[in-house]
Amino acid sequence: MNDLIRPALYGAYHDIMPVKKTTKMIADVVGPVCETGDFFARERAIAEVKEGDLMAIMSAGAYSSVMASNYNARMRAAEVMVHQRKIKLIRKRETFEQMIANEI
């Protein structure tokens, strides 16, 4: 809900892909905040994954960055750009100290 709220707000669709190729399964893809709106996809055919496997949520783009928040005291995610097989970290993950820096 704090990193990519667009699917919950208005059903935005983002491809969800595994870092390693695998077989398919039908699943709900949810976030770490235990609320009914904290989901990325429902009943979607995605790669079969296990706990600890890495997945990429595609085409999140600038909207996700500007809509991100510290809801539920969660630090904002790092941002990675992938262009023509090149991967670049474009924003580091926020630290706890950065998140609370302006509190008095």
Foldseek 3Di string as FASTA:
>chain_A
DQQQQVCLPPNDAWAKAFPDAAAWDFAWAFDDDPDPSGTRDHRDIYHDDDPPTDMDGPDSPDVSVVRHDCPPNNWYDWDWDADPNDIDGPGHTDDSCNNCVPPD
